[in-house]
Each structure stands twice: as structure tokens, then as C-alpha cells.
Amino acid sequence: MDNTQPNVFDMVGGEPTFRKLVDVFYAKVEADPDLRLLFPDDLEPGKHWQYLFLMQYWGGPGQYAAERGHPRLRMRHAPFAIDARARDAWVRHMHAAIDEVGIMEPARSMMRDYFDRGATFMINHNGSAGGNQP
């Protein structure tokens, strides 16, 4: 009898689902004039790294670590002034992307919880969002 539990990567359908999640999320970021200010002009590199990171984090291929090393998320986000308002917008768009992509329970709750906590950890600025420098 196999007692192994599927990981989130497998539960949601693997690489295609994570690609779609990142694409839907970034479309929402592009359409949000306030949050868009926190992102670099060229969104493609960020999309690439987020896609690889999320796949690896949720049990997929380890390509992110092979190409970029340890995630060091807080350090990588340090150049961007992330306040509570920006955090809330980011989470709102990611939750909406999860729902739009159709990720079902229990993966849906697991991912939403992770993004809630992770985004809170990225807050590095008190004040209003506006520009990509602290």
C-alpha cells in the first residue's frame, strides 16, 4: 500500500498550472496602477523566477535552486518599498489568480495561507506604496 501524499505541485496539475497562475497574477499586477509601480519595467524576468520558485516550493522540479541558488526572498525584495497596502494588493491579486486558475482544495487553502504569510514577511516599509525604491 502506498501511503505517500501527493504534493501541491501534483495536486494542481504541475507545470502548466503554475505557468497559468503566474501569467494571470502578473496580468493583474500590470492592470493595478499602484502595485505596478513596485515592479521593474520589464516583468518577464520576474515572471520567470516566480514560476520556477513556485514550482520548486510546492514540490516540483528544483530548477530555481539550480539556476539561482537559495531563494533569499526577503533580500531579493529589499530594493522595493513594500508596505501593508502593497502587501494587501499583492495578496488580493494572487488569491484572485488562484481562484481564476481553478486551484481546488486542499491546495487552494495551503497556497493562500502561504502567500498571506509570505507577503507579510516581505513588508519592509511604513507608508504608502509609490515607486520601487524604499
Protein backbone atom coordinates (compact mmCIF):
# COMPACT_ATOMS: atom_id res chain seq x y z
CA MET A 1 0.00 0.00 0.00
CA ASP A 2 1.34 3.43 -0.99
CA ASN A 3 0.95 5.94 1.87
CA THR A 4 2.62 8.86 0.11
CA GLN A 5 0.57 12.02 -0.12
CA PRO A 6 0.60 13.99 -3.34
CA ASN A 7 2.37 17.32 -3.08
CA VAL A 8 0.71 20.57 -4.12
CA PHE A 9 2.63 20.60 -7.39
CA ASP A 10 1.00 17.31 -8.37
CA MET A 11 -2.41 18.16 -6.85
CA VAL A 12 -2.83 21.25 -9.02
CA GLY A 13 -1.64 19.74 -12.29
CA GLY A 14 2.06 20.55 -12.36
CA GLU A 15 3.93 22.98 -14.57
CA PRO A 16 1.04 24.17 -16.77
CA THR A 17 -0.96 25.26 -13.74
CA PHE A 18 1.94 27.20 -12.25
CA ARG A 19 2.64 28.86 -15.61
CA LYS A 20 -1.00 29.93 -15.83
CA LEU A 21 -1.03 31.11 -12.19
CA VAL A 22 1.98 33.35 -12.75
CA ASP A 23 0.60 34.69 -16.05
CA VAL A 24 -2.80 35.50 -14.51
CA PHE A 25 -1.19 37.08 -11.44
CA TYR A 26 1.13 39.29 -13.49
CA ALA A 27 -1.74 40.41 -15.73
CA LYS A 28 -3.46 41.62 -12.57
CA VAL A 29 -0.30 43.39 -11.42
CA GLU A 30 0.00 45.11 -14.80
CA ALA A 31 -3.59 46.34 -14.51
CA ASP A 32 -3.07 47.74 -10.99
CA PRO A 33 -1.51 51.21 -11.36
CA ASP A 34 -0.39 51.41 -7.72
CA LEU A 35 1.10 47.94 -7.40
CA ARG A 36 2.66 48.12 -10.87
CA LEU A 37 4.93 50.91 -9.61
CA LEU A 38 6.71 48.43 -7.35
CA PHE A 39 7.73 46.19 -10.23
CA PRO A 40 10.51 46.76 -12.76
CA ASP A 41 9.56 47.95 -16.24
CA ASP A 42 10.27 44.51 -17.72
CA LEU A 43 8.09 41.95 -15.95
CA GLU A 44 9.38 38.91 -17.85
CA PRO A 45 12.39 38.11 -15.63
CA GLY A 46 10.21 38.29 -12.52
CA LYS A 47 7.61 36.05 -14.10
CA HIS A 48 10.30 33.51 -14.98
CA TRP A 49 11.75 33.42 -11.47
CA GLN A 50 8.36 33.36 -9.75
CA TYR A 51 7.25 30.47 -11.95
CA LEU A 52 10.39 28.44 -11.17
CA PHE A 53 10.28 29.32 -7.47
CA LEU A 54 6.63 28.39 -7.01
CA MET A 55 7.03 25.09 -8.82
CA GLN A 56 10.02 24.17 -6.67
CA TYR A 57 8.45 25.36 -3.42
CA TRP A 58 5.32 23.31 -3.99
CA GLY A 59 7.17 20.08 -4.82
CA GLY A 60 8.08 20.37 -8.49
CA PRO A 61 11.44 20.47 -10.27
CA GLY A 62 14.35 22.14 -8.47
CA GLN A 63 15.29 24.32 -11.42
CA TYR A 64 15.04 27.55 -9.40
CA ALA A 65 17.74 26.47 -6.95
CA ALA A 66 19.87 25.06 -9.75
CA GLU A 67 19.80 28.38 -11.61
CA ARG A 68 19.60 30.92 -8.80
CA GLY A 69 20.55 29.25 -5.53
CA HIS A 70 18.75 29.81 -2.25
CA PRO A 71 15.59 31.90 -2.70
CA ARG A 72 16.54 34.59 -0.11
CA LEU A 73 13.13 36.14 -0.70
CA ARG A 74 13.41 38.99 1.79
CA MET A 75 16.81 40.01 0.45
CA ARG A 76 15.61 39.87 -3.15
CA HIS A 77 12.63 42.08 -2.30
CA ALA A 78 14.62 44.57 -0.17
CA PRO A 79 15.07 47.12 -3.00
CA PHE A 80 11.29 47.54 -3.27
CA ALA A 81 9.28 49.64 -0.80
CA ILE A 82 6.67 47.13 0.30
CA ASP A 83 4.16 48.47 2.80
CA ALA A 84 0.96 46.94 4.17
CA ARG A 85 -1.11 48.41 1.35
CA ALA A 86 1.17 46.92 -1.31
CA ARG A 87 1.16 43.60 0.56
CA ASP A 88 -2.63 43.57 0.61
CA ALA A 89 -2.86 44.35 -3.11
CA TRP A 90 -0.31 41.65 -3.94
CA VAL A 91 -2.21 39.08 -1.87
CA ARG A 92 -5.56 40.14 -3.33
CA HIS A 93 -4.25 39.60 -6.87
CA MET A 94 -2.60 36.27 -6.02
CA HIS A 95 -5.76 34.98 -4.32
CA ALA A 96 -7.79 36.07 -7.35
CA ALA A 97 -5.31 34.32 -9.67
CA ILE A 98 -5.58 31.11 -7.62
CA ASP A 99 -9.35 31.26 -7.95
CA GLU A 100 -9.28 32.18 -11.64
CA VAL A 101 -6.94 29.31 -12.46
CA GLY A 102 -9.30 26.98 -10.61
CA ILE A 103 -6.99 25.57 -7.96
CA MET A 104 -9.14 23.42 -5.70
CA GLU A 105 -8.97 22.41 -2.03
CA PRO A 106 -6.88 21.46 -0.18
CA ALA A 107 -4.18 23.08 -2.35
CA ARG A 108 -6.16 26.33 -2.56
CA SER A 109 -6.10 26.91 1.21
CA MET A 110 -2.49 25.80 1.52
CA MET A 111 -1.37 28.23 -1.17
CA ARG A 112 -3.48 31.12 0.09
CA ASP A 113 -2.09 30.67 3.61
CA TYR A 114 1.49 30.56 2.33
CA PHE A 115 1.03 33.72 0.26
CA ASP A 116 -0.65 35.54 3.15
CA ARG A 117 2.25 34.77 5.48
CA GLY A 118 4.98 35.21 2.88
CA ALA A 119 3.69 38.58 1.71
CA THR A 120 3.50 39.83 5.29
CA PHE A 121 7.13 38.82 5.77
CA MET A 122 8.10 40.96 2.75
CA ILE A 123 6.82 44.21 4.31
CA ASN A 124 9.86 46.44 4.68
CA HIS A 125 8.44 49.96 4.60
CA ASN A 126 5.95 52.04 6.57
CA GLY A 127 3.93 54.38 4.42
CA SER A 128 2.28 54.37 1.06
CA ALA A 129 3.46 52.47 -1.97
CA GLY A 130 4.83 54.57 -4.73
CA GLY A 131 7.91 53.73 -6.67
CA ASN A 132 10.28 50.84 -6.49
CA GLN A 133 12.77 52.28 -4.04
CA PRO A 134 12.45 52.21 -0.21
